[in-house]
Full PDB file with SEQRES, HELIX, SHEET, SSBOND, CRYST1, ORIGX, SCALE, CONECT and MASTER records, all heavy atoms in Angstrom:
SEQRES   1 A   30  GLY GLY PHE PHE VAL LEU SER PRO GLY VAL PHE ASP TYR          
SEQRES   2 A   30  ILE GLU GLY ASP ALA THR ILE TRP GLU GLN GLU PRO LEU          
SEQRES   3 A   30  ARG ARG LEU ALA                                              
HELIX    1 AA1 PRO A    8  TYR A   13  5                                   6    
HELIX    2 AA2 GLU A   24  LEU A   29  1                                   6    
CRYST1    1.000    1.000    1.000  90.00  90.00  90.00 P 1           1          
ORIGX1      1.000000  0.000000  0.000000        0.00000                         
ORIGX2      0.000000  1.000000  0.000000        0.00000                         
ORIGX3      0.000000  0.000000  1.000000        0.00000                         
SCALE1      1.000000  0.000000  0.000000        0.00000                         
SCALE2      0.000000  1.000000  0.000000        0.00000                         
SCALE3      0.000000  0.000000  1.000000        0.00000                         
ATOM      1  N   GLY A   1      -0.140   3.831 -13.123  1.00  0.00           N  
ATOM      2  CA  GLY A   1      -1.379   3.811 -13.883  1.00  0.00           C  
ATOM      3  C   GLY A   1      -2.580   3.313 -13.115  1.00  0.00           C  
ATOM      4  O   GLY A   1      -3.701   3.299 -13.649  1.00  0.00           O  
ATOM      5  N   GLY A   2      -2.382   2.888 -11.867  1.00  0.00           N  
ATOM      6  CA  GLY A   2      -3.519   2.544 -11.027  1.00  0.00           C  
ATOM      7  C   GLY A   2      -4.084   1.153 -11.193  1.00  0.00           C  
ATOM      8  O   GLY A   2      -5.090   0.816 -10.580  1.00  0.00           O  
ATOM      9  N   PHE A   3      -3.461   0.319 -12.007  1.00  0.00           N  
ATOM     10  CA  PHE A   3      -3.884  -1.075 -12.125  1.00  0.00           C  
ATOM     11  C   PHE A   3      -2.830  -1.927 -11.417  1.00  0.00           C  
ATOM     12  O   PHE A   3      -1.699  -2.036 -11.881  1.00  0.00           O  
ATOM     13  CB  PHE A   3      -4.022  -1.488 -13.591  1.00  0.00           C  
ATOM     14  CG  PHE A   3      -5.228  -0.912 -14.274  1.00  0.00           C  
ATOM     15  CD1 PHE A   3      -5.209   0.373 -14.786  1.00  0.00           C  
ATOM     16  CD2 PHE A   3      -6.403  -1.651 -14.394  1.00  0.00           C  
ATOM     17  CE1 PHE A   3      -6.321   0.914 -15.418  1.00  0.00           C  
ATOM     18  CE2 PHE A   3      -7.521  -1.126 -15.013  1.00  0.00           C  
ATOM     19  CZ  PHE A   3      -7.486   0.159 -15.528  1.00  0.00           C  
ATOM     20  N   PHE A   4      -3.229  -2.523 -10.288  1.00  0.00           N  
ATOM     21  CA  PHE A   4      -2.293  -3.259  -9.446  1.00  0.00           C  
ATOM     22  C   PHE A   4      -2.615  -4.748  -9.430  1.00  0.00           C  
ATOM     23  O   PHE A   4      -3.757  -5.161  -9.627  1.00  0.00           O  
ATOM     24  CB  PHE A   4      -2.385  -2.766  -7.999  1.00  0.00           C  
ATOM     25  CG  PHE A   4      -1.997  -1.326  -7.797  1.00  0.00           C  
ATOM     26  CD1 PHE A   4      -2.949  -0.313  -7.911  1.00  0.00           C  
ATOM     27  CD2 PHE A   4      -0.703  -0.971  -7.461  1.00  0.00           C  
ATOM     28  CE1 PHE A   4      -2.616   1.013  -7.712  1.00  0.00           C  
ATOM     29  CE2 PHE A   4      -0.354   0.353  -7.258  1.00  0.00           C  
ATOM     30  CZ  PHE A   4      -1.301   1.351  -7.383  1.00  0.00           C  
ATOM     31  N   VAL A   5      -1.576  -5.538  -9.152  1.00  0.00           N  
ATOM     32  CA  VAL A   5      -1.746  -6.925  -8.728  1.00  0.00           C  
ATOM     33  C   VAL A   5      -1.002  -7.021  -7.402  1.00  0.00           C  
ATOM     34  O   VAL A   5       0.180  -6.647  -7.319  1.00  0.00           O  
ATOM     35  CB  VAL A   5      -1.170  -7.936  -9.736  1.00  0.00           C  
ATOM     36  CG1 VAL A   5      -1.522  -9.359  -9.285  1.00  0.00           C  
ATOM     37  CG2 VAL A   5      -1.706  -7.679 -11.134  1.00  0.00           C  
ATOM     38  N   LEU A   6      -1.693  -7.481  -6.370  1.00  0.00           N  
ATOM     39  CA  LEU A   6      -1.148  -7.435  -5.015  1.00  0.00           C  
ATOM     40  C   LEU A   6      -1.249  -8.786  -4.328  1.00  0.00           C  
ATOM     41  O   LEU A   6      -2.176  -9.553  -4.577  1.00  0.00           O  
ATOM     42  CB  LEU A   6      -1.908  -6.396  -4.184  1.00  0.00           C  
ATOM     43  CG  LEU A   6      -1.974  -4.979  -4.760  1.00  0.00           C  
ATOM     44  CD1 LEU A   6      -2.905  -4.114  -3.910  1.00  0.00           C  
ATOM     45  CD2 LEU A   6      -0.591  -4.351  -4.830  1.00  0.00           C  
ATOM     46  N   SER A   7      -0.292  -9.052  -3.455  1.00  0.00           N  
ATOM     47  CA  SER A   7      -0.344 -10.217  -2.577  1.00  0.00           C  
ATOM     48  C   SER A   7      -0.759  -9.751  -1.181  1.00  0.00           C  
ATOM     49  O   SER A   7      -0.549  -8.581  -0.816  1.00  0.00           O  
ATOM     50  CB  SER A   7       1.028 -10.899  -2.533  1.00  0.00           C  
ATOM     51  OG  SER A   7       1.358 -11.411  -3.820  1.00  0.00           O  
ATOM     52  N   PRO A   8      -1.348 -10.647  -0.368  1.00  0.00           N  
ATOM     53  CA  PRO A   8      -1.908 -10.229   0.923  1.00  0.00           C  
ATOM     54  C   PRO A   8      -0.915  -9.550   1.858  1.00  0.00           C  
ATOM     55  O   PRO A   8      -1.325  -8.794   2.740  1.00  0.00           O  
ATOM     56  CB  PRO A   8      -2.418 -11.550   1.515  1.00  0.00           C  
ATOM     57  CG  PRO A   8      -2.717 -12.400   0.331  1.00  0.00           C  
ATOM     58  CD  PRO A   8      -1.660 -12.057  -0.683  1.00  0.00           C  
ATOM     59  N   GLY A   9       0.370  -9.779   1.672  1.00  0.00           N  
ATOM     60  CA  GLY A   9       1.362  -9.148   2.529  1.00  0.00           C  
ATOM     61  C   GLY A   9       1.330  -7.630   2.492  1.00  0.00           C  
ATOM     62  O   GLY A   9       1.864  -6.972   3.399  1.00  0.00           O  
ATOM     63  N   VAL A  10       0.704  -7.043   1.477  1.00  0.00           N  
ATOM     64  CA  VAL A  10       0.658  -5.579   1.398  1.00  0.00           C  
ATOM     65  C   VAL A  10      -0.171  -4.981   2.529  1.00  0.00           C  
ATOM     66  O   VAL A  10       0.012  -3.809   2.881  1.00  0.00           O  
ATOM     67  CB  VAL A  10       0.104  -5.086   0.034  1.00  0.00           C  
ATOM     68  CG1 VAL A  10       0.979  -5.577  -1.114  1.00  0.00           C  
ATOM     69  CG2 VAL A  10      -1.352  -5.497  -0.159  1.00  0.00           C  
ATOM     70  N   PHE A  11      -1.072  -5.764   3.118  1.00  0.00           N  
ATOM     71  CA  PHE A  11      -1.892  -5.226   4.202  1.00  0.00           C  
ATOM     72  C   PHE A  11      -1.040  -4.827   5.404  1.00  0.00           C  
ATOM     73  O   PHE A  11      -1.429  -3.960   6.192  1.00  0.00           O  
ATOM     74  CB  PHE A  11      -2.960  -6.240   4.615  1.00  0.00           C  
ATOM     75  CG  PHE A  11      -4.038  -6.437   3.585  1.00  0.00           C  
ATOM     76  CD1 PHE A  11      -4.218  -7.669   2.967  1.00  0.00           C  
ATOM     77  CD2 PHE A  11      -4.872  -5.392   3.219  1.00  0.00           C  
ATOM     78  CE1 PHE A  11      -5.212  -7.852   2.009  1.00  0.00           C  
ATOM     79  CE2 PHE A  11      -5.869  -5.562   2.264  1.00  0.00           C  
ATOM     80  CZ  PHE A  11      -6.034  -6.801   1.650  1.00  0.00           C  
ATOM     81  N   ASP A  12       0.128  -5.449   5.559  1.00  0.00           N  
ATOM     82  CA  ASP A  12       1.021  -5.108   6.665  1.00  0.00           C  
ATOM     83  C   ASP A  12       1.612  -3.707   6.503  1.00  0.00           C  
ATOM     84  O   ASP A  12       2.159  -3.154   7.460  1.00  0.00           O  
ATOM     85  CB  ASP A  12       2.157  -6.129   6.752  1.00  0.00           C  
ATOM     86  CG  ASP A  12       1.656  -7.527   7.098  1.00  0.00           C  
ATOM     87  OD1 ASP A  12       0.579  -7.627   7.712  1.00  0.00           O  
ATOM     88  OD2 ASP A  12       2.346  -8.505   6.750  1.00  0.00           O  
ATOM     89  N   TYR A  13       1.500  -3.142   5.320  1.00  0.00           N  
ATOM     90  CA  TYR A  13       2.047  -1.816   5.053  1.00  0.00           C  
ATOM     91  C   TYR A  13       1.003  -0.710   5.233  1.00  0.00           C  
ATOM     92  O   TYR A  13       1.300   0.457   5.030  1.00  0.00           O  
ATOM     93  CB  TYR A  13       2.588  -1.756   3.618  1.00  0.00           C  
ATOM     94  CG  TYR A  13       3.863  -2.548   3.413  1.00  0.00           C  
ATOM     95  CD1 TYR A  13       3.834  -3.937   3.317  1.00  0.00           C  
ATOM     96  CD2 TYR A  13       5.092  -1.914   3.313  1.00  0.00           C  
ATOM     97  CE1 TYR A  13       5.000  -4.672   3.128  1.00  0.00           C  
ATOM     98  CE2 TYR A  13       6.264  -2.628   3.124  1.00  0.00           C  
ATOM     99  CZ  TYR A  13       6.211  -4.013   3.036  1.00  0.00           C  
ATOM    100  OH  TYR A  13       7.371  -4.731   2.853  1.00  0.00           O  
ATOM    101  N   ILE A  14      -0.228  -1.095   5.590  1.00  0.00           N  
ATOM    102  CA  ILE A  14      -1.315  -0.126   5.747  1.00  0.00           C  
ATOM    103  C   ILE A  14      -1.705  -0.042   7.216  1.00  0.00           C  
ATOM    104  O   ILE A  14      -2.081  -1.046   7.826  1.00  0.00           O  
ATOM    105  CB  ILE A  14      -2.543  -0.543   4.911  1.00  0.00           C  
ATOM    106  CG1 ILE A  14      -2.160  -0.701   3.432  1.00  0.00           C  
ATOM    107  CG2 ILE A  14      -3.668   0.481   5.063  1.00  0.00           C  
ATOM    108  CD1 ILE A  14      -3.264  -1.298   2.572  1.00  0.00           C  
ATOM    109  N   GLU A  15      -1.628   1.140   7.796  1.00  0.00           N  
ATOM    110  CA  GLU A  15      -1.917   1.288   9.221  1.00  0.00           C  
ATOM    111  C   GLU A  15      -3.410   1.354   9.516  1.00  0.00           C  
ATOM    112  O   GLU A  15      -3.900   0.684  10.416  1.00  0.00           O  
ATOM    113  CB  GLU A  15      -1.220   2.544   9.756  1.00  0.00           C  
ATOM    114  CG  GLU A  15       0.300   2.412   9.817  1.00  0.00           C  
ATOM    115  CD  GLU A  15       0.935   3.575  10.546  1.00  0.00           C  
ATOM    116  OE1 GLU A  15       0.186   4.395  11.143  1.00  0.00           O  
ATOM    117  OE2 GLU A  15       2.178   3.672  10.521  1.00  0.00           O  
ATOM    118  N   GLY A  16      -4.142   2.190   8.793  1.00  0.00           N  
ATOM    119  CA  GLY A  16      -5.569   2.338   9.104  1.00  0.00           C  
ATOM    120  C   GLY A  16      -6.270   3.203   8.096  1.00  0.00           C  
ATOM    121  O   GLY A  16      -5.761   3.447   6.994  1.00  0.00           O  
ATOM    122  N   ASP A  17      -7.437   3.728   8.479  1.00  0.00           N  
ATOM    123  CA  ASP A  17      -8.289   4.476   7.554  1.00  0.00           C  
ATOM    124  C   ASP A  17      -7.602   5.703   6.962  1.00  0.00           C  
ATOM    125  O   ASP A  17      -7.911   6.111   5.838  1.00  0.00           O  
ATOM    126  CB  ASP A  17      -9.579   4.915   8.257  1.00  0.00           C  
ATOM    127  CG  ASP A  17     -10.557   3.777   8.459  1.00  0.00           C  
ATOM    128  OD1 ASP A  17     -10.292   2.673   7.946  1.00  0.00           O  
ATOM    129  OD2 ASP A  17     -11.585   3.985   9.134  1.00  0.00           O  
ATOM    130  N   ALA A  18      -6.689   6.318   7.709  1.00  0.00           N  
ATOM    131  CA  ALA A  18      -6.059   7.552   7.253  1.00  0.00           C  
ATOM    132  C   ALA A  18      -4.876   7.311   6.305  1.00  0.00           C  
ATOM    133  O   ALA A  18      -4.290   8.270   5.804  1.00  0.00           O  
ATOM    134  CB  ALA A  18      -5.592   8.375   8.445  1.00  0.00           C  
ATOM    135  N   THR A  19      -4.559   6.052   6.050  1.00  0.00           N  
ATOM    136  CA  THR A  19      -3.399   5.743   5.213  1.00  0.00           C  
ATOM    137  C   THR A  19      -3.727   5.961   3.741  1.00  0.00           C  
ATOM    138  O   THR A  19      -4.723   5.432   3.236  1.00  0.00           O  
ATOM    139  CB  THR A  19      -2.942   4.292   5.422  1.00  0.00           C  
ATOM    140  OG1 THR A  19      -2.622   4.097   6.805  1.00  0.00           O  
ATOM    141  CG2 THR A  19      -1.715   3.990   4.567  1.00  0.00           C  
ATOM    142  N   ILE A  20      -2.893   6.715   3.072  1.00  0.00           N  
ATOM    143  CA  ILE A  20      -3.031   6.932   1.630  1.00  0.00           C  
ATOM    144  C   ILE A  20      -2.140   5.924   0.922  1.00  0.00           C  
ATOM    145  O   ILE A  20      -0.916   5.942   1.081  1.00  0.00           O  
ATOM    146  CB  ILE A  20      -2.639   8.377   1.254  1.00  0.00           C  
ATOM    147  CG1 ILE A  20      -3.566   9.374   1.970  1.00  0.00           C  
ATOM    148  CG2 ILE A  20      -2.701   8.584  -0.256  1.00  0.00           C  
ATOM    149  CD1 ILE A  20      -3.145  10.827   1.811  1.00  0.00           C  
ATOM    150  N   TRP A  21      -2.739   5.047   0.169  1.00  0.00           N  
ATOM    151  CA  TRP A  21      -2.025   3.945  -0.472  1.00  0.00           C  
ATOM    152  C   TRP A  21      -0.841   4.425  -1.305  1.00  0.00           C  
ATOM    153  O   TRP A  21       0.226   3.812  -1.308  1.00  0.00           O  
ATOM    154  CB  TRP A  21      -3.010   3.152  -1.335  1.00  0.00           C  
ATOM    155  CG  TRP A  21      -2.387   2.162  -2.268  1.00  0.00           C  
ATOM    156  CD1 TRP A  21      -2.324   2.234  -3.623  1.00  0.00           C  
ATOM    157  CD2 TRP A  21      -1.738   0.934  -1.902  1.00  0.00           C  
ATOM    158  NE1 TRP A  21      -1.674   1.139  -4.132  1.00  0.00           N  
ATOM    159  CE2 TRP A  21      -1.319   0.325  -3.105  1.00  0.00           C  
ATOM    160  CE3 TRP A  21      -1.478   0.293  -0.686  1.00  0.00           C  
ATOM    161  CZ2 TRP A  21      -0.645  -0.897  -3.121  1.00  0.00           C  
ATOM    162  CZ3 TRP A  21      -0.804  -0.926  -0.697  1.00  0.00           C  
ATOM    163  CH2 TRP A  21      -0.395  -1.509  -1.896  1.00  0.00           C  
ATOM    164  N   GLU A  22      -1.009   5.539  -1.994  1.00  0.00           N  
ATOM    165  CA  GLU A  22       0.001   6.029  -2.928  1.00  0.00           C  
ATOM    166  C   GLU A  22       1.178   6.699  -2.224  1.00  0.00           C  
ATOM    167  O   GLU A  22       2.149   7.087  -2.888  1.00  0.00           O  
ATOM    168  CB  GLU A  22      -0.632   7.030  -3.907  1.00  0.00           C  
ATOM    169  CG  GLU A  22      -1.791   6.461  -4.700  1.00  0.00           C  
ATOM    170  CD  GLU A  22      -3.080   6.376  -3.898  1.00  0.00           C  
ATOM    171  OE1 GLU A  22      -3.207   7.054  -2.854  1.00  0.00           O  
ATOM    172  OE2 GLU A  22      -3.971   5.602  -4.310  1.00  0.00           O  
ATOM    173  N   GLN A  23       1.118   6.838  -0.917  1.00  0.00           N  
ATOM    174  CA  GLN A  23       2.211   7.489  -0.195  1.00  0.00           C  
ATOM    175  C   GLN A  23       3.033   6.455   0.579  1.00  0.00           C  
ATOM    176  O   GLN A  23       3.831   5.746  -0.012  1.00  0.00           O  
ATOM    177  CB  GLN A  23       1.654   8.601   0.697  1.00  0.00           C  
ATOM    178  CG  GLN A  23       1.030   9.732  -0.131  1.00  0.00           C  
ATOM    179  CD  GLN A  23       0.555  10.896   0.722  1.00  0.00           C  
ATOM    180  OE1 GLN A  23       0.797  10.966   1.931  1.00  0.00           O  
ATOM    181  NE2 GLN A  23      -0.146  11.836   0.105  1.00  0.00           N  
ATOM    182  N   GLU A  24       2.860   6.373   1.871  1.00  0.00           N  
ATOM    183  CA  GLU A  24       3.737   5.532   2.693  1.00  0.00           C  
ATOM    184  C   GLU A  24       3.766   4.057   2.270  1.00  0.00           C  
ATOM    185  O   GLU A  24       4.852   3.472   2.164  1.00  0.00           O  
ATOM    186  CB  GLU A  24       3.341   5.660   4.163  1.00  0.00           C  
ATOM    187  CG  GLU A  24       4.319   5.007   5.127  1.00  0.00           C  
ATOM    188  CD  GLU A  24       5.696   5.667   5.128  1.00  0.00           C  
ATOM    189  OE1 GLU A  24       5.819   6.808   4.657  1.00  0.00           O  
ATOM    190  OE2 GLU A  24       6.644   5.019   5.606  1.00  0.00           O  
ATOM    191  N   PRO A  25       2.626   3.403   2.017  1.00  0.00           N  
ATOM    192  CA  PRO A  25       2.704   1.986   1.640  1.00  0.00           C  
ATOM    193  C   PRO A  25       3.534   1.727   0.385  1.00  0.00           C  
ATOM    194  O   PRO A  25       4.409   0.844   0.385  1.00  0.00           O  
ATOM    195  CB  PRO A  25       1.225   1.603   1.435  1.00  0.00           C  
ATOM    196  CG  PRO A  25       0.475   2.534   2.305  1.00  0.00           C  
ATOM    197  CD  PRO A  25       1.217   3.844   2.205  1.00  0.00           C  
ATOM    198  N   LEU A  26       3.280   2.483  -0.688  1.00  0.00           N  
ATOM    199  CA  LEU A  26       4.045   2.253  -1.911  1.00  0.00           C  
ATOM    200  C   LEU A  26       5.514   2.631  -1.728  1.00  0.00           C  
ATOM    201  O   LEU A  26       6.406   1.968  -2.274  1.00  0.00           O  
ATOM    202  CB  LEU A  26       3.429   3.023  -3.077  1.00  0.00           C  
ATOM    203  CG  LEU A  26       2.133   2.456  -3.658  1.00  0.00           C  
ATOM    204  CD1 LEU A  26       1.713   3.238  -4.899  1.00  0.00           C  
ATOM    205  CD2 LEU A  26       2.266   0.975  -3.995  1.00  0.00           C  
ATOM    206  N   ARG A  27       5.781   3.683  -0.966  1.00  0.00           N  
ATOM    207  CA  ARG A  27       7.173   4.065  -0.720  1.00  0.00           C  
ATOM    208  C   ARG A  27       7.904   2.980   0.055  1.00  0.00           C  
ATOM    209  O   ARG A  27       9.051   2.641  -0.252  1.00  0.00           O  
ATOM    210  CB  ARG A  27       7.220   5.392   0.050  1.00  0.00           C  
ATOM    211  CG  ARG A  27       6.793   6.596  -0.775  1.00  0.00           C  
ATOM    212  CD  ARG A  27       6.652   7.822   0.096  1.00  0.00           C  
ATOM    213  NE  ARG A  27       6.139   8.958  -0.664  1.00  0.00           N  
ATOM    214  CZ  ARG A  27       5.587  10.032  -0.126  1.00  0.00           C  
ATOM    215  NH1 ARG A  27       5.460  10.116   1.193  1.00  0.00           N  
ATOM    216  NH2 ARG A  27       5.147  11.020  -0.888  1.00  0.00           N  
ATOM    217  N   ARG A  28       7.273   2.421   1.069  1.00  0.00           N  
ATOM    218  CA  ARG A  28       7.899   1.366   1.858  1.00  0.00           C  
ATOM    219  C   ARG A  28       8.067   0.091   1.045  1.00  0.00           C  
ATOM    220  O   ARG A  28       9.087  -0.599   1.166  1.00  0.00           O  
ATOM    221  CB  ARG A  28       7.072   1.094   3.116  1.00  0.00           C  
ATOM    222  CG  ARG A  28       7.178   2.203   4.172  1.00  0.00           C  
ATOM    223  CD  ARG A  28       6.303   1.892   5.378  1.00  0.00           C  
ATOM    224  NE  ARG A  28       6.611   0.578   5.934  1.00  0.00           N  
ATOM    225  CZ  ARG A  28       5.728  -0.182   6.584  1.00  0.00           C  
ATOM    226  NH1 ARG A  28       4.469   0.234   6.735  1.00  0.00           N  
ATOM    227  NH2 ARG A  28       6.078  -1.346   7.057  1.00  0.00           N  
ATOM    228  N   LEU A  29       7.067  -0.239   0.225  1.00  0.00           N  
ATOM    229  CA  LEU A  29       7.198  -1.414  -0.631  1.00  0.00           C  
ATOM    230  C   LEU A  29       8.380  -1.258  -1.582  1.00  0.00           C  
ATOM    231  O   LEU A  29       9.146  -2.201  -1.807  1.00  0.00           O  
ATOM    232  CB  LEU A  29       5.904  -1.633  -1.418  1.00  0.00           C  
ATOM    233  CG  LEU A  29       4.733  -2.234  -0.628  1.00  0.00           C  
ATOM    234  CD1 LEU A  29       3.422  -2.022  -1.372  1.00  0.00           C  
ATOM    235  CD2 LEU A  29       4.968  -3.731  -0.389  1.00  0.00           C  
ATOM    236  N   ALA A  30       8.534  -0.044  -2.132  1.00  0.00           N  
ATOM    237  CA  ALA A  30       9.663   0.208  -3.023  1.00  0.00           C  
ATOM    238  C   ALA A  30      10.987   0.103  -2.264  1.00  0.00           C  
ATOM    239  O   ALA A  30      11.958  -0.503  -2.752  1.00  0.00           O  
ATOM    240  CB  ALA A  30       9.526   1.582  -3.673  1.00  0.00           C  
TER     241      ALA A  30                                                      
MASTER        0    0    0    2    0    0    0    6  240    1    0    3          
END                                                                             
């Protein structure tokens, strides 16, 4: 639904400007 609560550790899952949050970061977090 697009409403998140996040801890700073999620930044380690984002590589750079081309990263789509809903793809690799969320998949890896899961």
